[in-house]
Amino acid sequence: MEEYHRHCDEVGFNAEEAHNIVKECIDGVLGGEDYNQNNINQWTASIVEQSLAHLVKLGKAYKYIVTCAVVQRSAYGFHTASSCFWDVTSDGTCTVRWENRTMNCIVNVFAIAIVL
């Protein structure tokens, strides 16, 4: 993991920027793949590790938590929820939903500002 170096004094979490980063990571790992239970652990680990590495490279004063779930598509769907108690002016969250014909992927990013 690279060291944290603050580049700017931006206030507030940029969810759109995080969404784009995570979507690129998901596309890179799952794009063109069909659901295979034997690959789930590798895929989810790659998605969270790549997403986290790219977020840290932004050099912003945040601690990040990244979660990923990949499930086989079914008629039953897939539902998830989260709740946070934090400073809404500086902390934030981003959820990326991705799917293809055989699987659904949900990635959550939680960003907690580091107060220096």
PDB file of N, CA and C in Angstrom:
ATOM      1  N   MET A   1       0.852  -1.174   0.000  1.00  0.00           N
ATOM      2  CA  MET A   1       0.000   0.000   0.000  1.00  0.00           C
ATOM      3  C   MET A   1       0.897   1.236   0.000  1.00  0.00           C
ATOM      4  N   GLU A   2       0.544   2.211  -0.785  1.00  0.00           N
ATOM      5  CA  GLU A   2       1.331   3.426  -0.832  1.00  0.00           C
ATOM      6  C   GLU A   2       1.036   4.305   0.373  1.00  0.00           C
ATOM      7  N   GLU A   3       2.026   5.141   0.715  1.00  0.00           N
ATOM      8  CA  GLU A   3       1.831   6.047   1.832  1.00  0.00           C
ATOM      9  C   GLU A   3       0.871   7.152   1.439  1.00  0.00           C
ATOM     10  N   TYR A   4       0.201   7.698   2.451  1.00  0.00           N
ATOM     11  CA  TYR A   4      -0.733   8.797   2.250  1.00  0.00           C
ATOM     12  C   TYR A   4       0.042  10.106   2.173  1.00  0.00           C
ATOM     13  N   HIS A   5      -0.223  10.900   1.137  1.00  0.00           N
ATOM     14  CA  HIS A   5       0.339  12.241   1.002  1.00  0.00           C
ATOM     15  C   HIS A   5      -0.794  13.164   0.594  1.00  0.00           C
ATOM     16  N   ARG A   6      -1.082  14.141   1.427  1.00  0.00           N
ATOM     17  CA  ARG A   6      -2.199  15.051   1.153  1.00  0.00           C
ATOM     18  C   ARG A   6      -1.814  16.018   0.031  1.00  0.00           C
ATOM     19  N   HIS A   7      -2.639  16.072  -1.027  1.00  0.00           N
ATOM     20  CA  HIS A   7      -2.392  16.938  -2.173  1.00  0.00           C
ATOM     21  C   HIS A   7      -3.144  18.258  -2.088  1.00  0.00           C
ATOM     22  N   CYS A   8      -4.273  18.262  -1.434  1.00  0.00           N
ATOM     23  CA  CYS A   8      -5.107  19.461  -1.472  1.00  0.00           C
ATOM     24  C   CYS A   8      -5.886  19.610  -0.169  1.00  0.00           C
ATOM     25  N   ASP A   9      -6.548  20.733  -0.044  1.00  0.00           N
ATOM     26  CA  ASP A   9      -7.352  21.006   1.147  1.00  0.00           C
ATOM     27  C   ASP A   9      -8.835  20.971   0.820  1.00  0.00           C
ATOM     28  N   GLU A  10      -9.223  20.098  -0.100  1.00  0.00           N
ATOM     29  CA  GLU A  10     -10.611  19.953  -0.486  1.00  0.00           C
ATOM     30  C   GLU A  10     -11.466  19.560   0.714  1.00  0.00           C
ATOM     31  N   VAL A  11     -12.641  20.137   0.811  1.00  0.00           N
ATOM     32  CA  VAL A  11     -13.554  19.797   1.885  1.00  0.00           C
ATOM     33  C   VAL A  11     -14.703  18.997   1.293  1.00  0.00           C
ATOM     34  N   GLY A  12     -15.036  17.895   1.927  1.00  0.00           N
ATOM     35  CA  GLY A  12     -16.136  17.070   1.465  1.00  0.00           C
ATOM     36  C   GLY A  12     -15.670  15.944   0.553  1.00  0.00           C
ATOM     37  N   PHE A  13     -16.359  14.846   0.671  1.00  0.00           N
ATOM     38  CA  PHE A  13     -16.059  13.656  -0.110  1.00  0.00           C
ATOM     39  C   PHE A  13     -16.665  13.780  -1.499  1.00  0.00           C
ATOM     40  N   ASN A  14     -15.891  13.500  -2.532  1.00  0.00           N
ATOM     41  CA  ASN A  14     -16.366  13.580  -3.905  1.00  0.00           C
ATOM     42  C   ASN A  14     -16.860  12.193  -4.333  1.00  0.00           C
ATOM     43  N   ALA A  15     -18.151  11.950  -4.155  1.00  0.00           N
ATOM     44  CA  ALA A  15     -18.740  10.639  -4.442  1.00  0.00           C
ATOM     45  C   ALA A  15     -18.667  10.301  -5.928  1.00  0.00           C
ATOM     46  N   GLU A  16     -18.791  11.277  -6.797  1.00  0.00           N
ATOM     47  CA  GLU A  16     -18.732  11.023  -8.239  1.00  0.00           C
ATOM     48  C   GLU A  16     -17.340  10.525  -8.644  1.00  0.00           C
ATOM     49  N   GLU A  17     -16.323  11.140  -8.102  1.00  0.00           N
ATOM     50  CA  GLU A  17     -14.946  10.718  -8.382  1.00  0.00           C
ATOM     51  C   GLU A  17     -14.714   9.282  -7.898  1.00  0.00           C
ATOM     52  N   ALA A  18     -15.176   8.982  -6.694  1.00  0.00           N
ATOM     53  CA  ALA A  18     -15.038   7.637  -6.141  1.00  0.00           C
ATOM     54  C   ALA A  18     -15.825   6.625  -6.981  1.00  0.00           C
ATOM     55  N   HIS A  19     -17.032   7.001  -7.392  1.00  0.00           N
ATOM     56  CA  HIS A  19     -17.869   6.123  -8.216  1.00  0.00           C
ATOM     57  C   HIS A  19     -17.129   5.742  -9.506  1.00  0.00           C
ATOM     58  N   ASN A  20     -16.537   6.723 -10.165  1.00  0.00           N
ATOM     59  CA  ASN A  20     -15.819   6.466 -11.416  1.00  0.00           C
ATOM     60  C   ASN A  20     -14.620   5.549 -11.209  1.00  0.00           C
ATOM     61  N   ILE A  21     -13.892   5.761 -10.133  1.00  0.00           N
ATOM     62  CA  ILE A  21     -12.740   4.910  -9.812  1.00  0.00           C
ATOM     63  C   ILE A  21     -13.188   3.475  -9.595  1.00  0.00           C
ATOM     64  N   VAL A  22     -14.200   3.292  -8.779  1.00  0.00           N
ATOM     65  CA  VAL A  22     -14.681   1.945  -8.454  1.00  0.00           C
ATOM     66  C   VAL A  22     -15.244   1.266  -9.695  1.00  0.00           C
ATOM     67  N   LYS A  23     -16.002   1.993 -10.502  1.00  0.00           N
ATOM     68  CA  LYS A  23     -16.575   1.404 -11.714  1.00  0.00           C
ATOM     69  C   LYS A  23     -15.484   0.896 -12.645  1.00  0.00           C
ATOM     70  N   GLU A  24     -14.414   1.661 -12.795  1.00  0.00           N
ATOM     71  CA  GLU A  24     -13.286   1.222 -13.628  1.00  0.00           C
ATOM     72  C   GLU A  24     -12.655  -0.052 -13.068  1.00  0.00           C
ATOM     73  N   CYS A  25     -12.531  -0.133 -11.763  1.00  0.00           N
ATOM     74  CA  CYS A  25     -11.958  -1.329 -11.136  1.00  0.00           C
ATOM     75  C   CYS A  25     -12.854  -2.545 -11.366  1.00  0.00           C
ATOM     76  N   ILE A  26     -14.157  -2.365 -11.192  1.00  0.00           N
ATOM     77  CA  ILE A  26     -15.095  -3.471 -11.412  1.00  0.00           C
ATOM     78  C   ILE A  26     -15.035  -3.923 -12.871  1.00  0.00           C
ATOM     79  N   ASP A  27     -15.078  -2.969 -13.789  1.00  0.00           N
ATOM     80  CA  ASP A  27     -15.017  -3.310 -15.212  1.00  0.00           C
ATOM     81  C   ASP A  27     -13.739  -4.082 -15.536  1.00  0.00           C
ATOM     82  N   GLY A  28     -12.633  -3.669 -14.933  1.00  0.00           N
ATOM     83  CA  GLY A  28     -11.360  -4.331 -15.183  1.00  0.00           C
ATOM     84  C   GLY A  28     -11.304  -5.760 -14.675  1.00  0.00           C
ATOM     85  N   VAL A  29     -11.999  -6.023 -13.568  1.00  0.00           N
ATOM     86  CA  VAL A  29     -11.982  -7.357 -12.968  1.00  0.00           C
ATOM     87  C   VAL A  29     -13.092  -8.246 -13.528  1.00  0.00           C
ATOM     88  N   LEU A  30     -14.306  -7.727 -13.618  1.00  0.00           N
ATOM     89  CA  LEU A  30     -15.457  -8.550 -13.991  1.00  0.00           C
ATOM     90  C   LEU A  30     -15.874  -8.427 -15.449  1.00  0.00           C
ATOM     91  N   GLY A  31     -15.414  -7.399 -16.127  1.00  0.00           N
ATOM     92  CA  GLY A  31     -15.808  -7.200 -17.518  1.00  0.00           C
ATOM     93  C   GLY A  31     -15.502  -8.429 -18.359  1.00  0.00           C
ATOM     94  N   GLY A  32     -16.495  -8.908 -19.066  1.00  0.00           N
ATOM     95  CA  GLY A  32     -16.318 -10.067 -19.937  1.00  0.00           C
ATOM     96  C   GLY A  32     -16.366 -11.413 -19.238  1.00  0.00           C
ATOM     97  N   GLU A  33     -16.565 -11.418 -17.924  1.00  0.00           N
ATOM     98  CA  GLU A  33     -16.602 -12.678 -17.158  1.00  0.00           C
ATOM     99  C   GLU A  33     -18.036 -13.141 -16.946  1.00  0.00           C
ATOM    100  N   ASP A  34     -18.201 -14.437 -16.811  1.00  0.00           N
ATOM    101  CA  ASP A  34     -19.463 -15.030 -16.382  1.00  0.00           C
ATOM    102  C   ASP A  34     -19.303 -15.479 -14.939  1.00  0.00           C
ATOM    103  N   TYR A  35     -20.420 -15.512 -14.218  1.00  0.00           N
ATOM    104  CA  TYR A  35     -20.372 -15.920 -12.813  1.00  0.00           C
ATOM    105  C   TYR A  35     -19.717 -17.295 -12.681  1.00  0.00           C
ATOM    106  N   ASN A  36     -18.760 -17.369 -11.758  1.00  0.00           N
ATOM    107  CA  ASN A  36     -18.089 -18.629 -11.443  1.00  0.00           C
ATOM    108  C   ASN A  36     -17.761 -18.594  -9.958  1.00  0.00           C
ATOM    109  N   GLN A  37     -18.423 -19.424  -9.192  1.00  0.00           N
ATOM    110  CA  GLN A  37     -18.254 -19.433  -7.742  1.00  0.00           C
ATOM    111  C   GLN A  37     -16.790 -19.600  -7.333  1.00  0.00           C
ATOM    112  N   ASN A  38     -16.017 -20.318  -8.116  1.00  0.00           N
ATOM    113  CA  ASN A  38     -14.610 -20.555  -7.789  1.00  0.00           C
ATOM    114  C   ASN A  38     -13.751 -19.299  -7.881  1.00  0.00           C
ATOM    115  N   ASN A  39     -14.231 -18.265  -8.570  1.00  0.00           N
ATOM    116  CA  ASN A  39     -13.453 -17.035  -8.741  1.00  0.00           C
ATOM    117  C   ASN A  39     -13.886 -15.887  -7.835  1.00  0.00           C
ATOM    118  N   ILE A  40     -14.957 -16.067  -7.086  1.00  0.00           N
ATOM    119  CA  ILE A  40     -15.530 -14.966  -6.306  1.00  0.00           C
ATOM    120  C   ILE A  40     -14.528 -14.359  -5.328  1.00  0.00           C
ATOM    121  N   ASN A  41     -13.832 -15.178  -4.556  1.00  0.00           N
ATOM    122  CA  ASN A  41     -12.878 -14.639  -3.578  1.00  0.00           C
ATOM    123  C   ASN A  41     -11.795 -13.802  -4.254  1.00  0.00           C
ATOM    124  N   GLN A  42     -11.277 -14.278  -5.356  1.00  0.00           N
ATOM    125  CA  GLN A  42     -10.244 -13.540  -6.091  1.00  0.00           C
ATOM    126  C   GLN A  42     -10.803 -12.249  -6.661  1.00  0.00           C
ATOM    127  N   TRP A  43     -11.987 -12.336  -7.263  1.00  0.00           N
ATOM    128  CA  TRP A  43     -12.596 -11.144  -7.856  1.00  0.00           C
ATOM    129  C   TRP A  43     -12.885 -10.072  -6.817  1.00  0.00           C
ATOM    130  N   THR A  44     -13.518 -10.444  -5.714  1.00  0.00           N
ATOM    131  CA  THR A  44     -13.872  -9.440  -4.706  1.00  0.00           C
ATOM    132  C   THR A  44     -12.619  -8.831  -4.075  1.00  0.00           C
ATOM    133  N   ALA A  45     -11.616  -9.653  -3.807  1.00  0.00           N
ATOM    134  CA  ALA A  45     -10.359  -9.131  -3.245  1.00  0.00           C
ATOM    135  C   ALA A  45      -9.707  -8.151  -4.217  1.00  0.00           C
ATOM    136  N   SER A  46      -9.674  -8.485  -5.488  1.00  0.00           N
ATOM    137  CA  SER A  46      -9.071  -7.595  -6.486  1.00  0.00           C
ATOM    138  C   SER A  46      -9.817  -6.274  -6.573  1.00  0.00           C
ATOM    139  N   ILE A  47     -11.140  -6.341  -6.572  1.00  0.00           N
ATOM    140  CA  ILE A  47     -11.946  -5.116  -6.676  1.00  0.00           C
ATOM    141  C   ILE A  47     -11.700  -4.201  -5.485  1.00  0.00           C
ATOM    142  N   VAL A  48     -11.736  -4.735  -4.261  1.00  0.00           N
ATOM    143  CA  VAL A  48     -11.550  -3.857  -3.094  1.00  0.00           C
ATOM    144  C   VAL A  48     -10.113  -3.352  -3.007  1.00  0.00           C
ATOM    145  N   GLU A  49      -9.129  -4.193  -3.313  1.00  0.00           N
ATOM    146  CA  GLU A  49      -7.733  -3.764  -3.232  1.00  0.00           C
ATOM    147  C   GLU A  49      -7.413  -2.702  -4.274  1.00  0.00           C
ATOM    148  N   GLN A  50      -7.869  -2.904  -5.510  1.00  0.00           N
ATOM    149  CA  GLN A  50      -7.619  -1.915  -6.564  1.00  0.00           C
ATOM    150  C   GLN A  50      -8.348  -0.604  -6.271  1.00  0.00           C
ATOM    151  N   SER A  51      -9.593  -0.703  -5.845  1.00  0.00           N
ATOM    152  CA  SER A  51     -10.361   0.511  -5.527  1.00  0.00           C
ATOM    153  C   SER A  51      -9.689   1.294  -4.413  1.00  0.00           C
ATOM    154  N   LEU A  52      -9.300   0.600  -3.361  1.00  0.00           N
ATOM    155  CA  LEU A  52      -8.647   1.257  -2.233  1.00  0.00           C
ATOM    156  C   LEU A  52      -7.331   1.906  -2.657  1.00  0.00           C
ATOM    157  N   ALA A  53      -6.537   1.199  -3.432  1.00  0.00           N
ATOM    158  CA  ALA A  53      -5.249   1.747  -3.888  1.00  0.00           C
ATOM    159  C   ALA A  53      -5.461   3.022  -4.710  1.00  0.00           C
ATOM    160  N   HIS A  54      -6.444   3.027  -5.611  1.00  0.00           N
ATOM    161  CA  HIS A  54      -6.702   4.207  -6.431  1.00  0.00           C
ATOM    162  C   HIS A  54      -7.243   5.365  -5.597  1.00  0.00           C
ATOM    163  N   LEU A  55      -8.097   5.074  -4.621  1.00  0.00           N
ATOM    164  CA  LEU A  55      -8.615   6.128  -3.745  1.00  0.00           C
ATOM    165  C   LEU A  55      -7.492   6.749  -2.918  1.00  0.00           C
ATOM    166  N   VAL A  56      -6.614   5.926  -2.378  1.00  0.00           N
ATOM    167  CA  VAL A  56      -5.496   6.433  -1.571  1.00  0.00           C
ATOM    168  C   VAL A  56      -4.566   7.299  -2.425  1.00  0.00           C
ATOM    169  N   LYS A  57      -4.370   6.912  -3.688  1.00  0.00           N
ATOM    170  CA  LYS A  57      -3.502   7.685  -4.592  1.00  0.00           C
ATOM    171  C   LYS A  57      -4.016   9.100  -4.833  1.00  0.00           C
ATOM    172  N   LEU A  58      -5.305   9.341  -4.563  1.00  0.00           N
ATOM    173  CA  LEU A  58      -5.840  10.692  -4.711  1.00  0.00           C
ATOM    174  C   LEU A  58      -5.192  11.653  -3.716  1.00  0.00           C
ATOM    175  N   GLY A  59      -4.639  11.104  -2.634  1.00  0.00           N
ATOM    176  CA  GLY A  59      -3.934  11.924  -1.657  1.00  0.00           C
ATOM    177  C   GLY A  59      -4.830  12.799  -0.803  1.00  0.00           C
ATOM    178  N   LYS A  60      -6.047  12.373  -0.599  1.00  0.00           N
ATOM    179  CA  LYS A  60      -6.977  13.167   0.211  1.00  0.00           C
ATOM    180  C   LYS A  60      -6.976  12.657   1.648  1.00  0.00           C
ATOM    181  N   ALA A  61      -7.327  13.527   2.566  1.00  0.00           N
ATOM    182  CA  ALA A  61      -7.267  13.211   3.998  1.00  0.00           C
ATOM    183  C   ALA A  61      -8.471  12.387   4.432  1.00  0.00           C
ATOM    184  N   TYR A  62      -8.500  11.126   3.992  1.00  0.00           N
ATOM    185  CA  TYR A  62      -9.601  10.226   4.335  1.00  0.00           C
ATOM    186  C   TYR A  62      -9.075   8.858   4.722  1.00  0.00           C
ATOM    187  N   LYS A  63      -9.795   8.232   5.620  1.00  0.00           N
ATOM    188  CA  LYS A  63      -9.674   6.797   5.849  1.00  0.00           C
ATOM    189  C   LYS A  63     -10.793   6.176   5.024  1.00  0.00           C
ATOM    190  N   TYR A  64     -10.494   5.097   4.327  1.00  0.00           N
ATOM    191  CA  TYR A  64     -11.495   4.474   3.468  1.00  0.00           C
ATOM    192  C   TYR A  64     -11.818   3.066   3.938  1.00  0.00           C
ATOM    193  N   ILE A  65     -13.073   2.710   3.772  1.00  0.00           N
ATOM    194  CA  ILE A  65     -13.540   1.335   3.957  1.00  0.00           C
ATOM    195  C   ILE A  65     -14.218   0.967   2.646  1.00  0.00           C
ATOM    196  N   VAL A  66     -13.795  -0.149   2.047  1.00  0.00           N
ATOM    197  CA  VAL A  66     -14.375  -0.588   0.784  1.00  0.00           C
ATOM    198  C   VAL A  66     -14.902  -2.008   0.969  1.00  0.00           C
ATOM    199  N   THR A  67     -16.162  -2.221   0.620  1.00  0.00           N
ATOM    200  CA  THR A  67     -16.752  -3.559   0.683  1.00  0.00           C
ATOM    201  C   THR A  67     -17.233  -3.943  -0.710  1.00  0.00           C
ATOM    202  N   CYS A  68     -17.269  -5.245  -0.960  1.00  0.00           N
ATOM    203  CA  CYS A  68     -17.707  -5.735  -2.257  1.00  0.00           C
ATOM    204  C   CYS A  68     -18.477  -7.036  -2.085  1.00  0.00           C
ATOM    205  N   ALA A  69     -19.586  -7.146  -2.793  1.00  0.00           N
ATOM    206  CA  ALA A  69     -20.356  -8.387  -2.831  1.00  0.00           C
ATOM    207  C   ALA A  69     -20.645  -8.714  -4.285  1.00  0.00           C
ATOM    208  N   VAL A  70     -20.408  -9.960  -4.648  1.00  0.00           N
ATOM    209  CA  VAL A  70     -20.732 -10.442  -5.993  1.00  0.00           C
ATOM    210  C   VAL A  70     -21.643 -11.643  -5.818  1.00  0.00           C
ATOM    211  N   VAL A  71     -22.794 -11.607  -6.475  1.00  0.00           N
ATOM    212  CA  VAL A  71     -23.750 -12.708  -6.384  1.00  0.00           C
ATOM    213  C   VAL A  71     -24.212 -13.101  -7.777  1.00  0.00           C
ATOM    214  N   GLN A  72     -24.579 -14.345  -7.890  1.00  0.00           N
ATOM    215  CA  GLN A  72     -25.128 -14.842  -9.142  1.00  0.00           C
ATOM    216  C   GLN A  72     -26.504 -14.223  -9.361  1.00  0.00           C
ATOM    217  N   ARG A  73     -26.778 -13.815 -10.574  1.00  0.00           N
ATOM    218  CA  ARG A  73     -28.094 -13.241 -10.879  1.00  0.00           C
ATOM    219  C   ARG A  73     -29.167 -14.288 -10.717  1.00  0.00           C
ATOM    220  N   SER A  74     -30.271 -13.862 -10.147  1.00  0.00           N
ATOM    221  CA  SER A  74     -31.406 -14.760  -9.955  1.00  0.00           C
ATOM    222  C   SER A  74     -32.687 -13.939  -9.994  1.00  0.00           C
ATOM    223  N   ALA A  75     -33.779 -14.638  -9.984  1.00  0.00           N
ATOM    224  CA  ALA A  75     -35.088 -13.966  -9.988  1.00  0.00           C
ATOM    225  C   ALA A  75     -35.378 -13.300  -8.647  1.00  0.00           C
ATOM    226  N   TYR A  76     -34.598 -13.627  -7.621  1.00  0.00           N
ATOM    227  CA  TYR A  76     -34.859 -13.117  -6.276  1.00  0.00           C
ATOM    228  C   TYR A  76     -34.236 -11.762  -6.016  1.00  0.00           C
ATOM    229  N   GLY A  77     -33.320 -11.330  -6.845  1.00  0.00           N
ATOM    230  CA  GLY A  77     -32.699 -10.029  -6.668  1.00  0.00           C
ATOM    231  C   GLY A  77     -31.654 -10.033  -5.567  1.00  0.00           C
ATOM    232  N   PHE A  78     -31.168  -8.841  -5.271  1.00  0.00           N
ATOM    233  CA  PHE A  78     -30.128  -8.669  -4.265  1.00  0.00           C
ATOM    234  C   PHE A  78     -30.348  -7.310  -3.618  1.00  0.00           C
ATOM    235  N   HIS A  79     -30.494  -7.294  -2.296  1.00  0.00           N
ATOM    236  CA  HIS A  79     -30.790  -6.055  -1.575  1.00  0.00           C
ATOM    237  C   HIS A  79     -29.742  -5.847  -0.493  1.00  0.00           C
ATOM    238  N   THR A  80     -29.357  -4.601  -0.294  1.00  0.00           N
ATOM    239  CA  THR A  80     -28.381  -4.260   0.730  1.00  0.00           C
ATOM    240  C   THR A  80     -28.708  -2.868   1.277  1.00  0.00           C
ATOM    241  N   ALA A  81     -28.255  -2.594   2.480  1.00  0.00           N
ATOM    242  CA  ALA A  81     -28.467  -1.276   3.092  1.00  0.00           C
ATOM    243  C   ALA A  81     -27.324  -0.986   4.045  1.00  0.00           C
ATOM    244  N   SER A  82     -27.091   0.286   4.307  1.00  0.00           N
ATOM    245  CA  SER A  82     -26.087   0.688   5.292  1.00  0.00           C
ATOM    246  C   SER A  82     -26.548   1.990   5.928  1.00  0.00           C
ATOM    247  N   SER A  83     -25.997   2.280   7.082  1.00  0.00           N
ATOM    248  CA  SER A  83     -26.302   3.506   7.792  1.00  0.00           C
ATOM    249  C   SER A  83     -25.043   3.988   8.485  1.00  0.00           C
ATOM    250  N   CYS A  84     -24.835   5.293   8.504  1.00  0.00           N
ATOM    251  CA  CYS A  84     -23.614   5.851   9.103  1.00  0.00           C
ATOM    252  C   CYS A  84     -23.967   7.024  10.009  1.00  0.00           C
ATOM    253  N   PHE A  85     -23.206   7.157  11.074  1.00  0.00           N
ATOM    254  CA  PHE A  85     -23.318   8.308  11.960  1.00  0.00           C
ATOM    255  C   PHE A  85     -21.975   9.025  11.898  1.00  0.00           C
ATOM    256  N   TRP A  86     -21.952  10.171  11.203  1.00  0.00           N
ATOM    257  CA  TRP A  86     -20.693  10.873  11.003  1.00  0.00           C
ATOM    258  C   TRP A  86     -20.936  12.322  10.654  1.00  0.00           C
ATOM    259  N   ASP A  87     -19.875  13.031  10.316  1.00  0.00           N
ATOM    260  CA  ASP A  87     -19.968  14.440   9.935  1.00  0.00           C
ATOM    261  C   ASP A  87     -20.322  14.517   8.448  1.00  0.00           C
ATOM    262  N   VAL A  88     -21.551  14.870   8.148  1.00  0.00           N
ATOM    263  CA  VAL A  88     -22.015  14.885   6.764  1.00  0.00           C
ATOM    264  C   VAL A  88     -21.346  15.969   5.916  1.00  0.00           C
ATOM    265  N   THR A  89     -20.674  16.930   6.547  1.00  0.00           N
ATOM    266  CA  THR A  89     -19.996  17.976   5.780  1.00  0.00           C
ATOM    267  C   THR A  89     -18.648  17.519   5.253  1.00  0.00           C
ATOM    268  N   SER A  90     -18.070  16.481   5.841  1.00  0.00           N
ATOM    269  CA  SER A  90     -16.743  16.043   5.392  1.00  0.00           C
ATOM    270  C   SER A  90     -16.681  14.560   5.017  1.00  0.00           C
ATOM    271  N   ASP A  91     -17.452  13.717   5.686  1.00  0.00           N
ATOM    272  CA  ASP A  91     -17.429  12.280   5.420  1.00  0.00           C
ATOM    273  C   ASP A  91     -18.445  11.942   4.332  1.00  0.00           C
ATOM    274  N   GLY A  92     -18.315  10.761   3.764  1.00  0.00           N
ATOM    275  CA  GLY A  92     -19.272  10.410   2.724  1.00  0.00           C
ATOM    276  C   GLY A  92     -19.229   8.944   2.350  1.00  0.00           C
ATOM    277  N   THR A  93     -20.161   8.580   1.490  1.00  0.00           N
ATOM    278  CA  THR A  93     -20.266   7.214   1.021  1.00  0.00           C
ATOM    279  C   THR A  93     -20.636   7.214  -0.455  1.00  0.00           C
ATOM    280  N   CYS A  94     -20.316   6.110  -1.082  1.00  0.00           N
ATOM    281  CA  CYS A  94     -20.615   5.937  -2.491  1.00  0.00           C
ATOM    282  C   CYS A  94     -20.924   4.461  -2.702  1.00  0.00           C
ATOM    283  N   THR A  95     -21.990   4.169  -3.410  1.00  0.00           N
ATOM    284  CA  THR A  95     -22.348   2.793  -3.740  1.00  0.00           C
ATOM    285  C   THR A  95     -22.366   2.642  -5.251  1.00  0.00           C
ATOM    286  N   VAL A  96     -21.674   1.625  -5.724  1.00  0.00           N
ATOM    287  CA  VAL A  96     -21.620   1.354  -7.156  1.00  0.00           C
ATOM    288  C   VAL A  96     -22.294   0.012  -7.406  1.00  0.00           C
ATOM    289  N   ARG A  97     -23.299   0.039  -8.261  1.00  0.00           N
ATOM    290  CA  ARG A  97     -24.001  -1.185  -8.656  1.00  0.00           C
ATOM    291  C   ARG A  97     -23.574  -1.525 -10.072  1.00  0.00           C
ATOM    292  N   TRP A  98     -23.164  -2.774 -10.262  1.00  0.00           N
ATOM    293  CA  TRP A  98     -22.711  -3.245 -11.572  1.00  0.00           C
ATOM    294  C   TRP A  98     -23.352  -4.589 -11.837  1.00  0.00           C
ATOM    295  N   GLU A  99     -23.719  -4.846 -13.076  1.00  0.00           N
ATOM    296  CA  GLU A  99     -24.304  -6.145 -13.385  1.00  0.00           C
ATOM    297  C   GLU A  99     -24.014  -6.533 -14.819  1.00  0.00           C
ATOM    298  N   ASN A 100     -24.049  -7.826 -15.060  1.00  0.00           N
ATOM    299  CA  ASN A 100     -24.057  -8.351 -16.411  1.00  0.00           C
ATOM    300  C   ASN A 100     -25.124  -9.433 -16.462  1.00  0.00           C
ATOM    301  N   ARG A 101     -25.149 -10.251 -17.467  1.00  0.00           N
ATOM    302  CA  ARG A 101     -26.234 -11.223 -17.610  1.00  0.00           C
ATOM    303  C   ARG A 101     -26.164 -12.364 -16.603  1.00  0.00           C
ATOM    304  N   THR A 102     -24.999 -12.554 -15.912  1.00  0.00           N
ATOM    305  CA  THR A 102     -24.865 -13.688 -14.993  1.00  0.00           C
ATOM    306  C   THR A 102     -24.628 -13.308 -13.543  1.00  0.00           C
ATOM    307  N   MET A 103     -24.295 -12.039 -13.254  1.00  0.00           N
ATOM    308  CA  MET A 103     -23.993 -11.662 -11.870  1.00  0.00           C
ATOM    309  C   MET A 103     -24.266 -10.200 -11.586  1.00  0.00           C
ATOM    310  N   ASN A 104     -24.409  -9.924 -10.285  1.00  0.00           N
ATOM    311  CA  ASN A 104     -24.552  -8.563  -9.761  1.00  0.00           C
ATOM    312  C   ASN A 104     -23.390  -8.290  -8.822  1.00  0.00           C
ATOM    313  N   CYS A 105     -22.928  -7.059  -8.845  1.00  0.00           N
ATOM    314  CA  CYS A 105     -21.838  -6.641  -7.954  1.00  0.00           C
ATOM    315  C   CYS A 105     -22.247  -5.331  -7.298  1.00  0.00           C
ATOM    316  N   ILE A 106     -22.033  -5.253  -5.991  1.00  0.00           N
ATOM    317  CA  ILE A 106     -22.274  -4.025  -5.237  1.00  0.00           C
ATOM    318  C   ILE A 106     -20.989  -3.688  -4.478  1.00  0.00           C
ATOM    319  N   VAL A 107     -20.487  -2.481  -4.692  1.00  0.00           N
ATOM    320  CA  VAL A 107     -19.309  -2.007  -3.963  1.00  0.00           C
ATOM    321  C   VAL A 107     -19.709  -0.763  -3.186  1.00  0.00           C
ATOM    322  N   ASN A 108     -19.381  -0.747  -1.901  1.00  0.00           N
ATOM    323  CA  ASN A 108     -19.604   0.422  -1.047  1.00  0.00           C
ATOM    324  C   ASN A 108     -18.260   1.017  -0.654  1.00  0.00           C
ATOM    325  N   VAL A 109     -18.175   2.331  -0.752  1.00  0.00           N
ATOM    326  CA  VAL A 109     -16.998   3.058  -0.271  1.00  0.00           C
ATOM    327  C   VAL A 109     -17.475   3.984   0.834  1.00  0.00           C
ATOM    328  N   PHE A 110     -16.836   3.892   1.981  1.00  0.00           N
ATOM    329  CA  PHE A 110     -17.090   4.800   3.099  1.00  0.00           C
ATOM    330  C   PHE A 110     -15.819   5.618   3.305  1.00  0.00           C
ATOM    331  N   ALA A 111     -15.941   6.928   3.322  1.00  0.00           N
ATOM    332  CA  ALA A 111     -14.795   7.820   3.469  1.00  0.00           C
ATOM    333  C   ALA A 111     -14.971   8.640   4.736  1.00  0.00           C
ATOM    334  N   ILE A 112     -14.013   8.512   5.645  1.00  0.00           N
ATOM    335  CA  ILE A 112     -14.062   9.220   6.920  1.00  0.00           C
ATOM    336  C   ILE A 112     -12.888  10.197   6.949  1.00  0.00           C
ATOM    337  N   ALA A 113     -13.201  11.488   7.080  1.00  0.00           N
ATOM    338  CA  ALA A 113     -12.173  12.511   7.034  1.00  0.00           C
ATOM    339  C   ALA A 113     -11.206  12.378   8.201  1.00  0.00           C
ATOM    340  N   ILE A 114      -9.924  12.571   7.883  1.00  0.00           N
ATOM    341  CA  ILE A 114      -8.874  12.590   8.905  1.00  0.00           C
ATOM    342  C   ILE A 114      -8.715  14.041   9.338  1.00  0.00           C
ATOM    343  N   VAL A 115      -8.927  14.310  10.585  1.00  0.00           N
ATOM    344  CA  VAL A 115      -8.792  15.670  11.108  1.00  0.00           C
ATOM    345  C   VAL A 115      -7.359  15.827  11.594  1.00  0.00           C
ATOM    346  N   LEU A 116      -6.634  16.716  10.921  1.00  0.00           N
ATOM    347  CA  LEU A 116      -5.222  16.926  11.254  1.00  0.00           C
ATOM    348  C   LEU A 116      -5.033  18.119  12.143  1.00  0.00           C
TER     349      LEU A 116
END
